[in-house]
Protein backbone atom coordinates (compact mmCIF):
# COMPACT_ATOMS: atom_id res chain seq x y z
CA UNK A 1 0.00 0.00 0.00
CA UNK A 2 1.47 3.34 -1.04
CA UNK A 3 1.06 6.48 1.02
CA UNK A 4 -1.20 8.12 -1.55
CA UNK A 5 -3.20 4.96 -2.23
CA UNK A 6 -4.70 3.84 1.10
CA UNK A 7 -7.13 1.45 -0.60
CA UNK A 8 -4.68 -0.15 -3.02
CA UNK A 9 -5.54 -3.81 -3.51
CA UNK A 10 -9.05 -3.38 -2.20
CA UNK A 11 -12.30 -3.96 -4.08
CA UNK A 12 -15.20 -1.57 -3.57
CA UNK A 13 -18.80 -1.73 -4.74
CA UNK A 14 -20.76 1.51 -5.02
CA UNK A 15 -24.48 1.48 -5.77
CA UNK A 16 -26.10 4.42 -7.50
CA UNK A 17 -22.68 5.21 -8.97
CA UNK A 18 -23.82 6.90 -12.18
CA UNK A 19 -24.20 10.39 -10.70
CA UNK A 20 -24.14 12.55 -7.59
CA UNK A 21 -22.68 11.19 -4.37
CA UNK A 22 -22.26 7.70 -5.81
CA UNK A 23 -20.23 8.88 -8.80
CA UNK A 24 -18.09 11.20 -6.68
CA UNK A 25 -17.43 8.45 -4.14
CA UNK A 26 -16.52 5.94 -6.84
CA UNK A 27 -14.02 8.36 -8.37
CA UNK A 28 -12.53 9.21 -4.98
CA UNK A 29 -12.12 5.53 -4.07
CA UNK A 30 -10.47 4.77 -7.40
CA UNK A 31 -8.10 7.73 -6.96
CA UNK A 32 -7.18 6.25 -3.57
CA UNK A 33 -6.25 2.92 -5.15
CA UNK A 34 -9.38 0.79 -4.92
CA UNK A 35 -10.78 -1.12 -7.86
CA UNK A 36 -14.35 0.12 -7.97
CA UNK A 37 -17.39 -1.76 -9.22
CA UNK A 38 -20.01 0.73 -10.40
CA UNK A 39 -23.67 -0.18 -10.38
CA UNK A 40 -26.68 1.78 -11.64
CA UNK A 41 -29.29 1.52 -14.37
CA UNK A 42 -27.94 4.21 -16.71
CA UNK A 43 -25.26 2.54 -18.83
CA UNK A 44 -24.07 5.72 -20.56
CA UNK A 45 -23.74 7.58 -17.27
CA UNK A 46 -21.81 4.65 -15.77
CA UNK A 47 -19.49 4.63 -18.77
CA UNK A 48 -18.86 8.35 -18.26
CA UNK A 49 -17.85 7.75 -14.65
CA UNK A 50 -15.73 4.76 -15.62
CA UNK A 51 -13.93 6.79 -18.30
CA UNK A 52 -13.24 9.57 -15.81
CA UNK A 53 -11.74 7.02 -13.41
CA UNK A 54 -9.55 5.49 -16.12
CA UNK A 55 -8.46 8.92 -17.37
CA UNK A 56 -7.32 9.74 -13.83
CA UNK A 57 -5.26 6.56 -13.65
CA UNK A 58 -7.71 4.45 -11.63
CA UNK A 59 -9.47 1.18 -12.36
CA UNK A 60 -13.16 0.37 -12.41
CA UNK A 61 -15.68 -2.10 -13.72
CA UNK A 62 -19.24 -1.15 -14.60
CA UNK A 63 -22.12 -3.46 -13.74
CA UNK A 64 -25.26 -1.92 -15.27
CA UNK A 65 -28.26 -3.33 -13.47
CA UNK A 66 -31.62 -2.64 -11.92
CA UNK A 67 -31.33 -3.59 -8.26
CA UNK A 68 -34.98 -4.61 -8.32
CA UNK A 69 -34.53 -7.11 -11.13
CA UNK A 70 -34.92 -10.66 -9.89
CA UNK A 71 -31.58 -12.42 -9.40
CA UNK A 72 -29.56 -9.35 -10.49
CA UNK A 73 -27.84 -8.94 -7.13
CA UNK A 74 -26.98 -12.65 -6.66
CA UNK A 75 -25.56 -12.71 -10.21
CA UNK A 76 -23.36 -9.72 -9.41
CA UNK A 77 -22.17 -11.29 -6.16
CA UNK A 78 -21.29 -14.50 -8.00
CA UNK A 79 -19.32 -12.54 -10.62
CA UNK A 80 -17.42 -10.60 -7.94
CA UNK A 81 -16.65 -13.82 -6.06
CA UNK A 82 -15.32 -15.50 -9.20
CA UNK A 83 -13.13 -12.56 -10.24
CA UNK A 84 -11.90 -11.12 -6.95
CA UNK A 85 -12.89 -13.59 -4.24
CA UNK A 86 -13.75 -10.88 -1.73
CA UNK A 87 -15.29 -7.45 -1.21
CA UNK A 88 -13.60 -4.87 1.00
CA UNK A 89 -15.95 -1.88 0.75
CA UNK A 90 -19.69 -1.72 0.18
CA UNK A 91 -21.27 1.71 -0.28
CA UNK A 92 -25.07 1.52 -0.08
CA UNK A 93 -25.90 4.77 -1.82
CA UNK A 94 -28.66 3.99 -4.32
CA UNK A 95 -32.05 5.38 -3.39
CA UNK A 96 -35.11 7.06 -4.84
CA UNK A 97 -37.34 9.87 -3.64
CA UNK A 98 -41.06 9.20 -4.05
CA UNK A 99 -43.35 12.15 -4.64
CA UNK A 100 -43.70 14.39 -1.61
CA UNK A 101 -47.28 14.39 -0.37
CA UNK A 102 -49.49 14.20 2.72
CA UNK A 103 -49.54 10.72 4.22
CA UNK A 104 -53.18 10.15 3.24
CA UNK A 105 -52.33 10.94 -0.38
CA UNK A 106 -49.19 8.83 -0.75
CA UNK A 107 -49.02 7.14 -4.14
CA UNK A 108 -48.87 3.42 -3.33
CA UNK A 109 -47.02 2.29 -6.47
CA UNK A 110 -44.42 4.99 -5.82
CA UNK A 111 -44.16 3.98 -2.16
CA UNK A 112 -43.73 0.33 -3.11
CA UNK A 113 -40.93 1.17 -5.52
CA UNK A 114 -39.24 3.32 -2.89
CA UNK A 115 -39.51 0.51 -0.35
CA UNK A 116 -38.03 -1.92 -2.82
CA UNK A 117 -35.15 0.39 -3.74
CA UNK A 118 -34.41 1.95 -0.36
CA UNK A 119 -34.95 -1.11 1.84
CA UNK A 120 -35.33 -4.43 0.05
CA UNK A 121 -32.44 -3.93 -2.37
CA UNK A 122 -29.95 -3.02 0.40
CA UNK A 123 -31.04 -6.10 2.35
CA UNK A 124 -30.48 -8.23 -0.74
CA UNK A 125 -27.05 -6.65 -1.24
CA UNK A 126 -26.08 -7.36 2.37
CA UNK A 127 -27.30 -10.95 2.08
CA UNK A 128 -25.42 -11.54 -1.17
CA UNK A 129 -22.16 -9.82 -0.25
CA UNK A 130 -21.84 -10.66 3.45
CA UNK A 131 -19.82 -13.83 2.67
CA UNK A 132 -17.42 -11.81 0.48
CA UNK A 133 -17.09 -9.07 3.09
CA UNK A 134 -16.14 -11.70 5.66
CA UNK A 135 -13.20 -12.69 3.43
CA UNK A 136 -11.75 -9.19 3.69
CA UNK A 137 -9.20 -8.27 6.34
CA UNK A 138 -10.76 -4.84 6.85
CA UNK A 139 -14.29 -4.79 5.46
CA UNK A 140 -16.43 -1.68 5.67
CA UNK A 141 -20.10 -1.10 4.88
CA UNK A 142 -21.36 2.47 4.66
CA UNK A 143 -25.03 3.28 4.17
CA UNK A 144 -26.32 6.71 3.19
CA UNK A 145 -29.26 7.90 5.26
CA UNK A 146 -31.16 11.20 5.52
CA UNK A 147 -31.89 13.84 8.12
CA UNK A 148 -35.66 13.32 7.88
CA UNK A 149 -35.22 9.99 9.65
CA UNK A 150 -34.14 11.72 12.86
CA UNK A 151 -36.28 14.81 12.26
CA UNK A 152 -39.48 13.81 10.43
CA UNK A 153 -40.99 16.53 8.28
CA UNK A 154 -44.46 17.12 6.86
CA UNK A 155 -44.98 15.69 3.34
CA UNK A 156 -41.82 13.59 3.56
CA UNK A 157 -43.51 10.56 5.14
CA UNK A 158 -43.03 8.12 2.27
CA UNK A 159 -39.32 8.78 1.81
CA UNK A 160 -38.59 9.13 5.52
CA UNK A 161 -40.35 5.85 6.33
CA UNK A 162 -38.39 3.87 3.74
CA UNK A 163 -35.07 5.36 4.84
CA UNK A 164 -35.90 4.86 8.52
CA UNK A 165 -36.48 1.19 7.82
CA UNK A 166 -33.15 1.00 6.00
CA UNK A 167 -31.47 2.79 8.90
CA UNK A 168 -32.77 0.25 11.42
CA UNK A 169 -31.93 -2.68 9.16
CA UNK A 170 -28.30 -1.56 8.82
CA UNK A 171 -28.00 -0.85 12.54
CA UNK A 172 -29.27 -4.33 13.37
CA UNK A 173 -26.85 -5.91 10.88
CA UNK A 174 -23.98 -4.03 12.47
CA UNK A 175 -24.91 -5.25 15.94
CA UNK A 176 -25.30 -8.83 14.76
CA UNK A 177 -21.85 -9.11 13.19
CA UNK A 178 -19.63 -6.77 15.20
CA UNK A 179 -18.34 -9.43 17.62
CA UNK A 180 -18.02 -12.29 15.15
CA UNK A 181 -16.55 -10.64 12.03
CA UNK A 182 -14.12 -7.89 11.06
CA UNK A 183 -16.86 -6.05 9.18
CA UNK A 184 -17.59 -2.55 10.43
CA UNK A 185 -20.73 -0.63 9.56
CA UNK A 186 -21.34 3.10 9.45
CA UNK A 187 -24.47 5.09 8.68
CA UNK A 188 -23.82 8.50 7.19
CA UNK A 189 -26.21 11.42 6.80
CA UNK A 190 -24.72 13.61 4.05
CA UNK A 191 -26.93 16.60 4.83
CA UNK A 192 -27.84 19.12 2.14
CA UNK A 193 -25.89 18.18 -0.98
CA UNK A 194 -26.05 19.32 -4.59
CA UNK A 195 -27.67 16.29 -6.25
CA UNK A 196 -30.50 15.61 -8.67
CA UNK A 197 -32.59 14.21 -5.82
CA UNK A 198 -32.09 17.37 -3.80
CA UNK A 199 -33.05 19.51 -6.81
CA UNK A 200 -36.25 17.50 -7.22
CA UNK A 201 -37.15 17.94 -3.56
CA UNK A 202 -36.10 21.59 -3.31
CA UNK A 203 -36.71 23.12 -6.76
CA UNK A 204 -36.42 26.71 -5.50
CA UNK A 205 -33.09 26.24 -3.77
CA UNK A 206 -29.92 27.80 -5.13
CA UNK A 207 -27.68 24.77 -5.82
CA UNK A 208 -24.59 26.89 -5.26
CA UNK A 209 -25.67 27.48 -1.67
CA UNK A 210 -25.00 23.86 -0.65
CA UNK A 211 -21.98 21.57 -0.81
CA UNK A 212 -21.17 19.41 -3.79
CA UNK A 213 -21.12 15.59 -3.76
CA UNK A 214 -17.32 15.65 -3.72
CA UNK A 215 -17.44 16.89 -0.13
CA UNK A 216 -19.49 13.85 0.87
CA UNK A 217 -17.12 11.55 -1.02
CA UNK A 218 -14.20 13.02 0.91
CA UNK A 219 -16.03 12.40 4.19
CA UNK A 220 -16.72 8.80 3.17
CA UNK A 221 -13.05 8.18 2.38
CA UNK A 222 -12.04 9.65 5.73
CA UNK A 223 -14.57 7.43 7.47
CA UNK A 224 -13.23 4.36 5.69
CA UNK A 225 -9.78 4.98 7.16
CA UNK A 226 -11.00 5.49 10.72
CA UNK A 227 -11.05 2.88 13.46
CA UNK A 228 -14.63 3.04 14.72
CA UNK A 229 -16.97 0.84 16.71
CA UNK A 230 -19.85 -0.57 14.70
CA UNK A 231 -22.55 0.66 14.26
CA UNK A 232 -21.16 4.15 13.83
CA UNK A 233 -23.18 7.23 12.91
CA UNK A 234 -21.93 10.35 11.18
CA UNK A 235 -23.84 13.47 10.14
CA UNK A 236 -22.58 16.16 7.80
CA UNK A 237 -25.72 18.24 8.30
């Protein structure tokens, strides 16, 4: 491991890596020496991120997929196991924001998709990659949460509920494995960040008034190098 490449020799998987925090984190990890597996649905956007990583001297592999597609996650885990035999870093970043509305008016199809993306897919990822994480000497799992979990807000019920469930799921996982594996789990609230999801939720906000996704990526890399007790919570709000 070189001084400027703290994650050299490590394999990282970043979900929602085609844009925003996921893309910035993937590029930062690659710059720090990790081989990064990029997952998202948008193939062209993934290729753009991959090209940026390669142009900067890093390495990456794209895995275009819909996390909700049946057997997609187990297929990816099998491919990672066959090629690398382990996983050192799992960044659970992918998520969707259902339409903001009063609780009584929540769109059920939208809520179901949010539940599937924000809760069921992360559980499936943990189930599929836990064996590979256990093969790592220093495995880390970082899940991205939101401030509306701790501070519920009117009209945000659908999103907050799905992320709260994810939050609890990840916390329970961390408690279950902390004494029997080397895996450490952190839950990070990025706070207000300049992303497409934020723009959708706050259309009148000046994007230049909030931090860019690169700031969150930097915080994630710092967290990955720290020696913390699992579960660990961090807020950038």
